[in-house]
Amino acid sequence: MVKAPKLYFYDTGLACSLLDIRDVEQIPTHFLRGGLFENLVINEFIKESLNKGQAPQLYFWRDKTGNEIDLLQIVGNKQYAYEIKSGATFRKIILKVFLCGLNFRA
């Protein structure tokens, strides 16, 4: 496992402002729209945990060969892996890390 932290903004409006996104119409064509969407989804997971009075146990996972999981959530003794995509279409290749049976630890 490679330990490399990611930075998420609690305020996605601030993130957009720092990226010079001034209008919602700019987001669909912005090269970082996927990162903004991932940021938004992860914030929702954080809020859900905090609203339940629980400390969020959320991790990002990537191995040395580039396989990655956008969000690894630990709930009790269970692990849940999520691939977060902003696109409207599904491609099976996106799930390659899930389909190859990798074992991961947070």
N, C-alpha and C. Protein backbone atom coordinates (compact mmCIF):
# COMPACT_ATOMS: atom_id res chain seq x y z
N MET A 1 0.85 -1.17 0.00
CA MET A 1 0.00 0.00 0.00
C MET A 1 0.90 1.24 0.00
N VAL A 2 0.51 2.21 -0.79
CA VAL A 2 1.23 3.48 -0.86
C VAL A 2 0.45 4.51 -0.06
N LYS A 3 1.11 5.18 0.87
CA LYS A 3 0.43 6.20 1.66
C LYS A 3 0.69 7.56 1.04
N ALA A 4 -0.36 8.13 0.47
CA ALA A 4 -0.28 9.45 -0.15
C ALA A 4 -1.59 10.16 0.15
N PRO A 5 -1.57 11.17 1.00
CA PRO A 5 -2.83 11.83 1.36
C PRO A 5 -3.43 12.61 0.19
N LYS A 6 -4.74 12.76 0.24
CA LYS A 6 -5.46 13.59 -0.72
C LYS A 6 -6.04 14.77 0.05
N LEU A 7 -6.23 15.86 -0.64
CA LEU A 7 -6.80 17.06 -0.04
C LEU A 7 -8.23 17.22 -0.52
N TYR A 8 -9.17 17.35 0.43
CA TYR A 8 -10.57 17.58 0.10
C TYR A 8 -11.01 18.88 0.73
N PHE A 9 -11.88 19.60 0.05
CA PHE A 9 -12.43 20.85 0.56
C PHE A 9 -13.82 20.60 1.12
N TYR A 10 -14.08 21.07 2.34
CA TYR A 10 -15.44 20.99 2.88
C TYR A 10 -16.37 21.93 2.12
N ASP A 11 -15.83 23.00 1.61
CA ASP A 11 -16.61 23.99 0.88
C ASP A 11 -16.28 23.86 -0.61
N THR A 12 -17.15 23.19 -1.35
CA THR A 12 -16.89 23.00 -2.78
C THR A 12 -16.97 24.32 -3.55
N GLY A 13 -17.70 25.28 -3.00
CA GLY A 13 -17.74 26.61 -3.61
C GLY A 13 -16.37 27.27 -3.56
N LEU A 14 -15.67 27.09 -2.44
CA LEU A 14 -14.31 27.62 -2.32
C LEU A 14 -13.39 26.92 -3.32
N ALA A 15 -13.52 25.60 -3.43
CA ALA A 15 -12.70 24.86 -4.40
C ALA A 15 -12.93 25.40 -5.81
N CYS A 16 -14.18 25.62 -6.17
CA CYS A 16 -14.49 26.17 -7.50
C CYS A 16 -13.91 27.57 -7.67
N SER A 17 -14.01 28.38 -6.65
CA SER A 17 -13.47 29.73 -6.72
C SER A 17 -11.96 29.70 -6.93
N LEU A 18 -11.27 28.82 -6.21
CA LEU A 18 -9.82 28.71 -6.37
C LEU A 18 -9.43 28.21 -7.77
N LEU A 19 -10.35 27.47 -8.40
CA LEU A 19 -10.12 26.99 -9.77
C LEU A 19 -10.61 27.98 -10.82
N ASP A 20 -11.05 29.15 -10.37
CA ASP A 20 -11.57 30.21 -11.24
C ASP A 20 -12.83 29.78 -11.99
N ILE A 21 -13.63 28.93 -11.34
CA ILE A 21 -14.93 28.55 -11.89
C ILE A 21 -15.93 29.53 -11.31
N ARG A 22 -16.50 30.37 -12.16
CA ARG A 22 -17.41 31.43 -11.71
C ARG A 22 -18.87 31.15 -12.05
N ASP A 23 -19.10 30.16 -12.90
CA ASP A 23 -20.47 29.87 -13.33
C ASP A 23 -20.65 28.36 -13.39
N VAL A 24 -21.81 27.89 -13.00
CA VAL A 24 -22.09 26.45 -12.99
C VAL A 24 -21.94 25.84 -14.38
N GLU A 25 -22.11 26.63 -15.41
CA GLU A 25 -21.98 26.13 -16.79
C GLU A 25 -20.55 25.73 -17.13
N GLN A 26 -19.57 26.19 -16.37
CA GLN A 26 -18.17 25.85 -16.62
C GLN A 26 -17.82 24.44 -16.14
N ILE A 27 -18.55 23.93 -15.17
CA ILE A 27 -18.18 22.67 -14.53
C ILE A 27 -18.18 21.47 -15.48
N PRO A 28 -19.21 21.27 -16.31
CA PRO A 28 -19.22 20.06 -17.16
C PRO A 28 -18.03 19.92 -18.09
N THR A 29 -17.39 21.02 -18.45
CA THR A 29 -16.25 20.95 -19.36
C THR A 29 -14.91 21.18 -18.67
N HIS A 30 -14.94 21.40 -17.37
CA HIS A 30 -13.69 21.68 -16.64
C HIS A 30 -12.89 20.39 -16.48
N PHE A 31 -11.57 20.48 -16.65
CA PHE A 31 -10.73 19.29 -16.58
C PHE A 31 -10.69 18.67 -15.19
N LEU A 32 -11.09 19.38 -14.16
CA LEU A 32 -11.11 18.83 -12.80
C LEU A 32 -12.53 18.52 -12.30
N ARG A 33 -13.48 18.42 -13.21
CA ARG A 33 -14.86 18.16 -12.77
C ARG A 33 -14.97 16.84 -12.02
N GLY A 34 -14.21 15.82 -12.42
CA GLY A 34 -14.23 14.53 -11.72
C GLY A 34 -13.74 14.67 -10.29
N GLY A 35 -12.69 15.44 -10.09
CA GLY A 35 -12.17 15.68 -8.75
C GLY A 35 -13.15 16.46 -7.89
N LEU A 36 -13.82 17.43 -8.49
CA LEU A 36 -14.83 18.20 -7.75
C LEU A 36 -16.00 17.31 -7.34
N PHE A 37 -16.42 16.43 -8.24
CA PHE A 37 -17.51 15.52 -7.93
C PHE A 37 -17.10 14.54 -6.83
N GLU A 38 -15.89 14.00 -6.94
CA GLU A 38 -15.38 13.09 -5.90
C GLU A 38 -15.34 13.81 -4.56
N ASN A 39 -14.89 15.04 -4.55
CA ASN A 39 -14.84 15.85 -3.33
C ASN A 39 -16.24 15.98 -2.72
N LEU A 40 -17.23 16.28 -3.55
CA LEU A 40 -18.61 16.44 -3.10
C LEU A 40 -19.14 15.14 -2.48
N VAL A 41 -18.91 14.02 -3.15
CA VAL A 41 -19.39 12.73 -2.65
C VAL A 41 -18.73 12.37 -1.32
N ILE A 42 -17.43 12.56 -1.23
CA ILE A 42 -16.72 12.23 0.02
C ILE A 42 -17.23 13.10 1.16
N ASN A 43 -17.51 14.37 0.88
CA ASN A 43 -18.09 15.23 1.92
C ASN A 43 -19.42 14.68 2.42
N GLU A 44 -20.22 14.12 1.54
CA GLU A 44 -21.50 13.54 1.96
C GLU A 44 -21.28 12.33 2.87
N PHE A 45 -20.28 11.52 2.59
CA PHE A 45 -19.95 10.39 3.47
C PHE A 45 -19.50 10.89 4.84
N ILE A 46 -18.69 11.95 4.85
CA ILE A 46 -18.23 12.52 6.12
C ILE A 46 -19.41 13.04 6.92
N LYS A 47 -20.30 13.79 6.26
CA LYS A 47 -21.47 14.34 6.96
C LYS A 47 -22.37 13.24 7.51
N GLU A 48 -22.54 12.17 6.72
CA GLU A 48 -23.38 11.05 7.18
C GLU A 48 -22.81 10.45 8.47
N SER A 49 -21.51 10.21 8.51
CA SER A 49 -20.88 9.65 9.71
C SER A 49 -21.03 10.59 10.89
N LEU A 50 -20.73 11.87 10.68
CA LEU A 50 -20.79 12.84 11.77
C LEU A 50 -22.22 13.01 12.29
N ASN A 51 -23.20 12.98 11.39
CA ASN A 51 -24.60 13.09 11.82
C ASN A 51 -25.06 11.89 12.64
N LYS A 52 -24.39 10.76 12.48
CA LYS A 52 -24.68 9.57 13.29
C LYS A 52 -23.87 9.57 14.58
N GLY A 53 -23.06 10.61 14.79
CA GLY A 53 -22.22 10.69 15.98
C GLY A 53 -21.00 9.79 15.91
N GLN A 54 -20.59 9.42 14.70
CA GLN A 54 -19.45 8.53 14.51
C GLN A 54 -18.30 9.27 13.84
N ALA A 55 -17.10 8.88 14.18
CA ALA A 55 -15.93 9.43 13.49
C ALA A 55 -15.84 8.74 12.13
N PRO A 56 -15.74 9.50 11.05
CA PRO A 56 -15.66 8.86 9.74
C PRO A 56 -14.37 8.08 9.58
N GLN A 57 -14.49 6.86 9.12
CA GLN A 57 -13.32 6.04 8.81
C GLN A 57 -13.29 5.86 7.30
N LEU A 58 -12.77 6.85 6.63
CA LEU A 58 -12.75 6.90 5.18
C LEU A 58 -11.31 7.00 4.70
N TYR A 59 -10.98 6.22 3.69
CA TYR A 59 -9.62 6.17 3.20
C TYR A 59 -9.60 6.16 1.68
N PHE A 60 -8.49 6.57 1.13
CA PHE A 60 -8.20 6.47 -0.29
C PHE A 60 -7.15 5.38 -0.40
N TRP A 61 -7.25 4.54 -1.41
CA TRP A 61 -6.30 3.43 -1.55
C TRP A 61 -5.75 3.38 -2.97
N ARG A 62 -4.42 3.21 -3.05
CA ARG A 62 -3.77 3.01 -4.35
C ARG A 62 -2.54 2.14 -4.12
N ASP A 63 -2.31 1.18 -5.02
CA ASP A 63 -1.11 0.36 -4.88
C ASP A 63 -0.02 0.88 -5.81
N LYS A 64 1.12 0.22 -5.77
CA LYS A 64 2.27 0.68 -6.54
C LYS A 64 2.08 0.58 -8.05
N THR A 65 1.14 -0.24 -8.49
CA THR A 65 0.92 -0.39 -9.93
C THR A 65 -0.16 0.55 -10.46
N GLY A 66 -0.74 1.37 -9.58
CA GLY A 66 -1.72 2.35 -10.03
C GLY A 66 -3.17 1.96 -9.83
N ASN A 67 -3.43 0.72 -9.38
CA ASN A 67 -4.80 0.36 -9.05
C ASN A 67 -5.24 1.24 -7.89
N GLU A 68 -6.47 1.75 -7.96
CA GLU A 68 -6.91 2.62 -6.88
C GLU A 68 -8.39 2.47 -6.59
N ILE A 69 -8.73 2.82 -5.39
CA ILE A 69 -10.11 2.87 -4.94
C ILE A 69 -10.32 4.28 -4.41
N ASP A 70 -11.34 4.95 -4.94
CA ASP A 70 -11.59 6.35 -4.57
C ASP A 70 -11.97 6.50 -3.11
N LEU A 71 -12.72 5.55 -2.59
CA LEU A 71 -13.16 5.65 -1.21
C LEU A 71 -13.27 4.26 -0.62
N LEU A 72 -12.58 4.05 0.48
CA LEU A 72 -12.67 2.82 1.26
C LEU A 72 -13.25 3.21 2.61
N GLN A 73 -14.43 2.68 2.91
CA GLN A 73 -15.14 3.03 4.14
C GLN A 73 -15.11 1.82 5.07
N ILE A 74 -14.74 2.06 6.32
CA ILE A 74 -14.74 1.02 7.34
C ILE A 74 -15.93 1.28 8.25
N VAL A 75 -16.81 0.28 8.37
CA VAL A 75 -17.97 0.36 9.25
C VAL A 75 -17.95 -0.90 10.10
N GLY A 76 -17.61 -0.74 11.38
CA GLY A 76 -17.46 -1.91 12.24
C GLY A 76 -16.33 -2.77 11.72
N ASN A 77 -16.62 -4.04 11.44
CA ASN A 77 -15.58 -4.92 10.91
C ASN A 77 -15.75 -5.16 9.41
N LYS A 78 -16.53 -4.31 8.75
CA LYS A 78 -16.75 -4.44 7.31
C LYS A 78 -16.05 -3.32 6.55
N GLN A 79 -15.62 -3.64 5.34
CA GLN A 79 -15.00 -2.66 4.45
C GLN A 79 -15.87 -2.51 3.20
N TYR A 80 -16.09 -1.27 2.80
CA TYR A 80 -16.86 -0.98 1.60
C TYR A 80 -16.00 -0.14 0.67
N ALA A 81 -15.91 -0.56 -0.58
CA ALA A 81 -15.11 0.16 -1.56
C ALA A 81 -16.02 0.84 -2.57
N TYR A 82 -15.69 2.10 -2.90
CA TYR A 82 -16.50 2.89 -3.83
C TYR A 82 -15.62 3.47 -4.92
N GLU A 83 -16.10 3.40 -6.13
CA GLU A 83 -15.48 4.07 -7.27
C GLU A 83 -16.39 5.24 -7.61
N ILE A 84 -15.86 6.45 -7.56
CA ILE A 84 -16.67 7.65 -7.75
C ILE A 84 -16.34 8.24 -9.12
N LYS A 85 -17.34 8.33 -9.98
CA LYS A 85 -17.16 8.87 -11.33
C LYS A 85 -18.22 9.91 -11.63
N SER A 86 -17.83 10.96 -12.31
CA SER A 86 -18.76 12.04 -12.66
C SER A 86 -19.44 11.80 -14.00
N GLY A 87 -18.96 10.87 -14.77
CA GLY A 87 -19.51 10.64 -16.11
C GLY A 87 -20.89 9.99 -16.08
N ALA A 88 -21.62 10.16 -17.15
CA ALA A 88 -22.97 9.61 -17.25
C ALA A 88 -22.97 8.19 -17.80
N THR A 89 -21.85 7.74 -18.34
CA THR A 89 -21.80 6.40 -18.92
C THR A 89 -20.95 5.48 -18.05
N PHE A 90 -21.26 4.20 -18.11
CA PHE A 90 -20.54 3.19 -17.34
C PHE A 90 -19.62 2.41 -18.27
N ARG A 91 -18.39 2.21 -17.82
CA ARG A 91 -17.45 1.37 -18.56
C ARG A 91 -16.91 0.32 -17.60
N LYS A 92 -16.94 -0.95 -18.00
CA LYS A 92 -16.52 -2.05 -17.13
C LYS A 92 -15.06 -1.90 -16.69
N ILE A 93 -14.21 -1.32 -17.50
CA ILE A 93 -12.80 -1.16 -17.16
C ILE A 93 -12.62 -0.36 -15.87
N ILE A 94 -13.58 0.49 -15.56
CA ILE A 94 -13.51 1.28 -14.33
C ILE A 94 -13.44 0.37 -13.12
N LEU A 95 -14.05 -0.79 -13.21
CA LEU A 95 -14.12 -1.71 -12.07
C LEU A 95 -12.98 -2.71 -12.02
N LYS A 96 -11.94 -2.53 -12.81
CA LYS A 96 -10.87 -3.52 -12.87
C LYS A 96 -10.27 -3.82 -11.51
N VAL A 97 -10.12 -2.84 -10.66
CA VAL A 97 -9.54 -3.07 -9.34
C VAL A 97 -10.45 -3.94 -8.49
N PHE A 98 -11.75 -3.83 -8.68
CA PHE A 98 -12.70 -4.65 -7.92
C PHE A 98 -12.77 -6.07 -8.48
N LEU A 99 -12.61 -6.20 -9.77
CA LEU A 99 -12.77 -7.50 -10.42
C LEU A 99 -11.55 -8.39 -10.29
N CYS A 100 -10.38 -7.82 -10.01
CA CYS A 100 -9.17 -8.64 -9.95
C CYS A 100 -8.94 -9.23 -8.56
N GLY A 101 -9.83 -8.99 -7.62
CA GLY A 101 -9.75 -9.64 -6.31
C GLY A 101 -8.60 -9.18 -5.45
N LEU A 102 -8.27 -7.92 -5.49
CA LEU A 102 -7.19 -7.40 -4.65
C LEU A 102 -7.58 -7.43 -3.19
N ASN A 103 -6.60 -7.69 -2.35
CA ASN A 103 -6.80 -7.58 -0.90
C ASN A 103 -6.21 -6.26 -0.47
N PHE A 104 -6.95 -5.49 0.26
CA PHE A 104 -6.45 -4.19 0.70
C PHE A 104 -6.74 -4.00 2.17
N ARG A 105 -5.87 -3.24 2.79
CA ARG A 105 -6.02 -2.90 4.20
C ARG A 105 -5.92 -1.39 4.34
N ALA A 106 -6.76 -0.84 5.17
CA ALA A 106 -6.73 0.61 5.41
C ALA A 106 -5.69 0.92 6.46
